[in-house]
């Protein structure tokens, strides 16, 4: 299952790597998601891509959600734990996280 989570993170990064990054101010967005994206040292990661992902996070995630989502870049097992959790607050977070993933694909892909 860890491979599935890692693959999902890579797909998110790759999906955000299209030519539409320059729309708006997405290239300069900075924050926890952008920093975690760059620190993950994945081949597809660059400042434009990670800035775009941050801009999507700014639109879809709460402040505390960003910290949690950023932790997924370094520890994909945390994403699996959140996805399979059986409490309402974590389930609500997962719904917001999925919205972030969808928004990232739409904005950056």
N, C-alpha and C. Protein backbone atom coordinates (compact mmCIF):
# COMPACT_ATOMS: atom_id res chain seq x y z
N UNK A 1 0.82 -1.19 0.00
CA UNK A 1 0.00 0.00 0.00
C UNK A 1 0.87 1.25 0.00
N UNK A 2 2.04 1.16 0.61
CA UNK A 2 2.94 2.31 0.62
C UNK A 2 3.31 2.74 -0.80
N UNK A 3 3.49 1.74 -1.67
CA UNK A 3 3.82 2.04 -3.06
C UNK A 3 2.69 2.82 -3.74
N UNK A 4 1.45 2.50 -3.40
CA UNK A 4 0.31 3.19 -3.98
C UNK A 4 0.32 4.66 -3.55
N UNK A 5 0.61 4.92 -2.28
CA UNK A 5 0.64 6.30 -1.77
C UNK A 5 1.78 7.07 -2.42
N UNK A 6 2.95 6.47 -2.50
CA UNK A 6 4.09 7.13 -3.15
C UNK A 6 3.76 7.41 -4.61
N UNK A 7 3.18 6.44 -5.28
CA UNK A 7 2.80 6.62 -6.68
C UNK A 7 1.79 7.76 -6.82
N UNK A 8 0.83 7.83 -5.90
CA UNK A 8 -0.16 8.91 -5.94
C UNK A 8 0.51 10.27 -5.80
N UNK A 9 1.48 10.37 -4.90
CA UNK A 9 2.19 11.64 -4.72
C UNK A 9 2.95 12.00 -5.99
N UNK A 10 3.57 11.01 -6.62
CA UNK A 10 4.29 11.28 -7.86
C UNK A 10 3.35 11.68 -8.98
N UNK A 11 2.18 11.04 -9.04
CA UNK A 11 1.20 11.41 -10.05
C UNK A 11 0.75 12.84 -9.84
N UNK A 12 0.52 13.22 -8.58
CA UNK A 12 0.14 14.60 -8.29
C UNK A 12 1.21 15.56 -8.77
N UNK A 13 2.46 15.26 -8.47
CA UNK A 13 3.54 16.15 -8.90
C UNK A 13 3.65 16.20 -10.42
N UNK A 14 3.52 15.06 -11.06
CA UNK A 14 3.61 15.02 -12.51
C UNK A 14 2.42 15.72 -13.14
N UNK A 15 1.24 15.52 -12.59
CA UNK A 15 0.04 16.15 -13.13
C UNK A 15 0.13 17.67 -13.04
N UNK A 16 0.83 18.17 -12.06
CA UNK A 16 0.97 19.61 -11.90
C UNK A 16 2.05 20.18 -12.80
N UNK A 17 2.72 19.37 -13.56
CA UNK A 17 3.85 19.84 -14.33
C UNK A 17 3.55 20.33 -15.73
N UNK A 18 2.31 20.64 -16.03
CA UNK A 18 1.95 21.07 -17.38
C UNK A 18 2.32 22.51 -17.66
N UNK A 19 1.85 23.03 -18.77
CA UNK A 19 2.20 24.37 -19.22
C UNK A 19 1.35 25.46 -18.61
N UNK A 20 0.37 25.14 -17.81
CA UNK A 20 -0.54 26.15 -17.30
C UNK A 20 -0.09 26.74 -15.97
N UNK A 21 1.10 26.47 -15.53
CA UNK A 21 1.58 26.95 -14.25
C UNK A 21 1.62 28.46 -14.19
N UNK A 22 1.86 29.13 -15.28
CA UNK A 22 2.02 30.57 -15.28
C UNK A 22 0.75 31.36 -15.06
N UNK A 23 -0.42 30.75 -15.00
CA UNK A 23 -1.66 31.48 -14.81
C UNK A 23 -1.67 32.13 -13.44
N UNK A 24 -2.07 33.38 -13.36
CA UNK A 24 -2.18 34.07 -12.08
C UNK A 24 -0.84 34.20 -11.41
N UNK A 25 -0.83 34.04 -10.12
CA UNK A 25 0.39 34.20 -9.33
C UNK A 25 0.83 32.87 -8.75
N UNK A 26 0.54 31.78 -9.42
CA UNK A 26 0.81 30.47 -8.85
C UNK A 26 2.29 30.15 -8.76
N UNK A 27 3.11 30.72 -9.61
CA UNK A 27 4.53 30.40 -9.58
C UNK A 27 5.21 30.89 -8.32
N UNK A 28 4.70 31.95 -7.71
CA UNK A 28 5.38 32.51 -6.56
C UNK A 28 4.75 32.11 -5.23
N UNK A 29 3.73 31.26 -5.24
CA UNK A 29 3.10 30.85 -4.00
C UNK A 29 4.10 30.05 -3.16
N UNK A 30 4.22 30.44 -1.91
CA UNK A 30 5.13 29.75 -1.01
C UNK A 30 4.37 29.34 0.25
N UNK A 31 4.85 28.33 0.89
CA UNK A 31 4.22 27.84 2.11
C UNK A 31 4.68 26.43 2.40
N UNK A 32 3.96 25.79 3.30
CA UNK A 32 4.35 24.44 3.74
C UNK A 32 4.30 23.41 2.63
N UNK A 33 3.29 23.48 1.79
CA UNK A 33 3.16 22.51 0.69
C UNK A 33 4.31 22.70 -0.29
N UNK A 34 4.56 23.95 -0.66
CA UNK A 34 5.64 24.24 -1.60
C UNK A 34 6.99 23.78 -1.05
N UNK A 35 7.24 24.08 0.20
CA UNK A 35 8.51 23.67 0.83
C UNK A 35 8.65 22.16 0.89
N UNK A 36 7.57 21.48 1.28
CA UNK A 36 7.62 20.01 1.36
C UNK A 36 7.80 19.40 -0.02
N UNK A 37 7.14 19.98 -1.00
CA UNK A 37 7.25 19.51 -2.38
C UNK A 37 8.71 19.59 -2.86
N UNK A 38 9.33 20.72 -2.63
CA UNK A 38 10.73 20.89 -3.05
C UNK A 38 11.67 20.00 -2.25
N UNK A 39 11.42 19.86 -0.96
CA UNK A 39 12.29 19.06 -0.09
C UNK A 39 12.18 17.57 -0.38
N UNK A 40 11.07 17.15 -0.98
CA UNK A 40 10.87 15.72 -1.26
C UNK A 40 11.86 15.20 -2.29
N UNK A 41 12.50 16.10 -3.02
CA UNK A 41 13.56 15.74 -3.96
C UNK A 41 13.10 14.74 -5.01
N UNK A 42 11.92 15.00 -5.56
CA UNK A 42 11.42 14.17 -6.65
C UNK A 42 11.80 14.81 -7.99
N UNK A 43 12.00 14.01 -8.98
CA UNK A 43 12.49 14.50 -10.27
C UNK A 43 11.58 15.56 -10.89
N UNK A 44 10.28 15.43 -10.74
CA UNK A 44 9.34 16.36 -11.36
C UNK A 44 9.21 17.68 -10.60
N UNK A 45 9.72 17.73 -9.39
CA UNK A 45 9.54 18.92 -8.56
C UNK A 45 10.43 20.07 -9.01
N UNK A 46 9.83 21.26 -9.10
CA UNK A 46 10.57 22.49 -9.35
C UNK A 46 9.78 23.62 -8.71
N UNK A 47 10.33 24.81 -8.67
CA UNK A 47 9.67 25.90 -7.95
C UNK A 47 8.32 26.28 -8.57
N UNK A 48 8.20 26.21 -9.89
CA UNK A 48 6.92 26.53 -10.52
C UNK A 48 5.86 25.50 -10.17
N UNK A 49 6.20 24.24 -10.27
CA UNK A 49 5.28 23.15 -9.94
C UNK A 49 4.86 23.22 -8.48
N UNK A 50 5.84 23.35 -7.60
CA UNK A 50 5.55 23.35 -6.17
C UNK A 50 4.79 24.61 -5.76
N UNK A 51 5.08 25.73 -6.42
CA UNK A 51 4.33 26.95 -6.18
C UNK A 51 2.88 26.82 -6.63
N UNK A 52 2.67 26.13 -7.72
CA UNK A 52 1.31 25.89 -8.21
C UNK A 52 0.55 24.98 -7.24
N UNK A 53 1.20 23.95 -6.75
CA UNK A 53 0.57 23.06 -5.77
C UNK A 53 0.22 23.85 -4.50
N UNK A 54 1.09 24.77 -4.10
CA UNK A 54 0.82 25.60 -2.93
C UNK A 54 -0.39 26.49 -3.17
N UNK A 55 -0.48 27.06 -4.37
CA UNK A 55 -1.63 27.91 -4.70
C UNK A 55 -2.94 27.10 -4.62
N UNK A 56 -2.91 25.87 -5.08
CA UNK A 56 -4.09 25.00 -4.98
C UNK A 56 -4.40 24.71 -3.52
N UNK A 57 -3.38 24.49 -2.72
CA UNK A 57 -3.58 24.24 -1.29
C UNK A 57 -4.18 25.47 -0.62
N UNK A 58 -3.72 26.64 -1.01
CA UNK A 58 -4.24 27.88 -0.43
C UNK A 58 -5.74 28.01 -0.68
N UNK A 59 -6.21 27.46 -1.79
CA UNK A 59 -7.63 27.55 -2.14
C UNK A 59 -8.49 26.47 -1.49
N UNK A 60 -7.88 25.35 -1.11
CA UNK A 60 -8.70 24.20 -0.70
C UNK A 60 -8.45 23.69 0.72
N UNK A 61 -7.31 24.01 1.30
CA UNK A 61 -6.97 23.47 2.61
C UNK A 61 -6.96 24.55 3.69
N UNK A 62 -7.24 24.14 4.90
CA UNK A 62 -7.10 25.01 6.07
C UNK A 62 -5.64 25.03 6.47
N UNK A 63 -5.28 25.95 7.34
CA UNK A 63 -3.89 26.05 7.79
C UNK A 63 -3.37 24.76 8.40
N UNK A 64 -4.14 24.17 9.31
CA UNK A 64 -3.70 22.92 9.93
C UNK A 64 -3.69 21.77 8.93
N UNK A 65 -4.57 21.82 7.93
CA UNK A 65 -4.58 20.81 6.87
C UNK A 65 -3.29 20.84 6.08
N UNK A 66 -2.76 22.04 5.85
CA UNK A 66 -1.54 22.16 5.05
C UNK A 66 -0.38 21.46 5.73
N UNK A 67 -0.27 21.61 7.04
CA UNK A 67 0.80 20.93 7.77
C UNK A 67 0.67 19.42 7.63
N UNK A 68 -0.53 18.94 7.78
CA UNK A 68 -0.77 17.51 7.68
C UNK A 68 -0.49 17.00 6.26
N UNK A 69 -0.99 17.72 5.27
CA UNK A 69 -0.76 17.31 3.88
C UNK A 69 0.72 17.39 3.51
N UNK A 70 1.41 18.41 4.00
CA UNK A 70 2.85 18.55 3.73
C UNK A 70 3.63 17.36 4.28
N UNK A 71 3.16 16.82 5.39
CA UNK A 71 3.86 15.67 5.98
C UNK A 71 3.80 14.44 5.08
N UNK A 72 2.81 14.37 4.19
CA UNK A 72 2.67 13.23 3.29
C UNK A 72 3.84 13.14 2.31
N UNK A 73 4.44 14.27 1.96
CA UNK A 73 5.56 14.25 1.02
C UNK A 73 6.74 13.47 1.59
N UNK A 74 6.98 13.61 2.89
CA UNK A 74 8.10 12.93 3.52
C UNK A 74 7.77 11.57 4.09
N UNK A 75 6.49 11.32 4.37
CA UNK A 75 6.07 10.07 4.98
C UNK A 75 4.73 9.63 4.40
N UNK A 76 4.76 8.94 3.25
CA UNK A 76 3.51 8.53 2.59
C UNK A 76 2.61 7.64 3.45
N UNK A 77 3.19 6.98 4.45
CA UNK A 77 2.37 6.15 5.34
C UNK A 77 1.33 6.99 6.08
N UNK A 78 1.65 8.26 6.34
CA UNK A 78 0.69 9.14 7.01
C UNK A 78 -0.55 9.35 6.15
N UNK A 79 -0.37 9.43 4.86
CA UNK A 79 -1.52 9.57 3.96
C UNK A 79 -2.39 8.32 4.02
N UNK A 80 -1.77 7.17 4.04
CA UNK A 80 -2.52 5.92 4.13
C UNK A 80 -3.30 5.86 5.44
N UNK A 81 -2.68 6.28 6.52
CA UNK A 81 -3.36 6.29 7.82
C UNK A 81 -4.57 7.22 7.79
N UNK A 82 -4.41 8.38 7.18
CA UNK A 82 -5.52 9.34 7.10
C UNK A 82 -6.63 8.78 6.21
N UNK A 83 -6.26 8.18 5.11
CA UNK A 83 -7.25 7.65 4.17
C UNK A 83 -8.11 6.57 4.80
N UNK A 84 -7.53 5.78 5.67
CA UNK A 84 -8.25 4.65 6.25
C UNK A 84 -8.76 4.91 7.66
N UNK A 85 -8.58 6.12 8.17
CA UNK A 85 -9.03 6.44 9.53
C UNK A 85 -10.54 6.34 9.64
N UNK A 86 -10.99 6.05 10.85
CA UNK A 86 -12.42 5.85 11.07
C UNK A 86 -12.96 6.87 12.08
N UNK A 87 -12.51 8.13 11.95
CA UNK A 87 -13.10 9.17 12.79
C UNK A 87 -13.52 10.33 11.91
N UNK A 88 -14.53 11.03 12.34
CA UNK A 88 -15.16 12.04 11.47
C UNK A 88 -14.23 13.20 11.12
N UNK A 89 -13.37 13.62 12.04
CA UNK A 89 -12.50 14.76 11.72
C UNK A 89 -11.45 14.37 10.68
N UNK A 90 -10.92 13.16 10.76
CA UNK A 90 -9.95 12.72 9.76
C UNK A 90 -10.62 12.47 8.42
N UNK A 91 -11.82 11.94 8.45
CA UNK A 91 -12.56 11.75 7.20
C UNK A 91 -12.85 13.09 6.53
N UNK A 92 -13.18 14.11 7.33
CA UNK A 92 -13.41 15.45 6.77
C UNK A 92 -12.12 16.01 6.19
N UNK A 93 -11.00 15.80 6.89
CA UNK A 93 -9.71 16.23 6.35
C UNK A 93 -9.44 15.55 5.02
N UNK A 94 -9.69 14.24 4.95
CA UNK A 94 -9.40 13.50 3.72
C UNK A 94 -10.22 14.04 2.55
N UNK A 95 -11.45 14.43 2.80
CA UNK A 95 -12.27 15.03 1.75
C UNK A 95 -11.65 16.34 1.26
N UNK A 96 -11.17 17.16 2.19
CA UNK A 96 -10.51 18.41 1.80
C UNK A 96 -9.21 18.13 1.06
N UNK A 97 -8.49 17.11 1.49
CA UNK A 97 -7.24 16.74 0.82
C UNK A 97 -7.52 16.30 -0.61
N UNK A 98 -8.57 15.51 -0.80
CA UNK A 98 -8.93 15.08 -2.15
C UNK A 98 -9.31 16.28 -3.02
N UNK A 99 -9.96 17.27 -2.45
CA UNK A 99 -10.27 18.50 -3.18
C UNK A 99 -8.99 19.21 -3.58
N UNK A 100 -8.01 19.21 -2.69
CA UNK A 100 -6.70 19.80 -3.00
C UNK A 100 -6.06 19.07 -4.18
N UNK A 101 -6.08 17.76 -4.16
CA UNK A 101 -5.49 16.98 -5.26
C UNK A 101 -6.19 17.31 -6.58
N UNK A 102 -7.52 17.34 -6.55
CA UNK A 102 -8.28 17.66 -7.76
C UNK A 102 -7.98 19.07 -8.25
N UNK A 103 -7.91 20.02 -7.33
CA UNK A 103 -7.62 21.41 -7.69
C UNK A 103 -6.21 21.52 -8.26
N UNK A 104 -5.26 20.81 -7.69
CA UNK A 104 -3.88 20.83 -8.19
C UNK A 104 -3.83 20.32 -9.62
N UNK A 105 -4.53 19.26 -9.88
CA UNK A 105 -4.55 18.72 -11.25
C UNK A 105 -5.18 19.71 -12.22
N UNK A 106 -6.25 20.36 -11.79
CA UNK A 106 -6.93 21.32 -12.67
C UNK A 106 -6.07 22.55 -12.93
N UNK A 107 -5.42 23.06 -11.91
CA UNK A 107 -4.64 24.28 -12.04
C UNK A 107 -3.28 24.07 -12.70
N UNK A 108 -2.67 22.96 -12.39
CA UNK A 108 -1.25 22.78 -12.73
C UNK A 108 -1.02 21.73 -13.80
N UNK A 109 -1.99 20.95 -14.13
CA UNK A 109 -1.80 19.82 -15.04
C UNK A 109 -1.85 20.14 -16.48
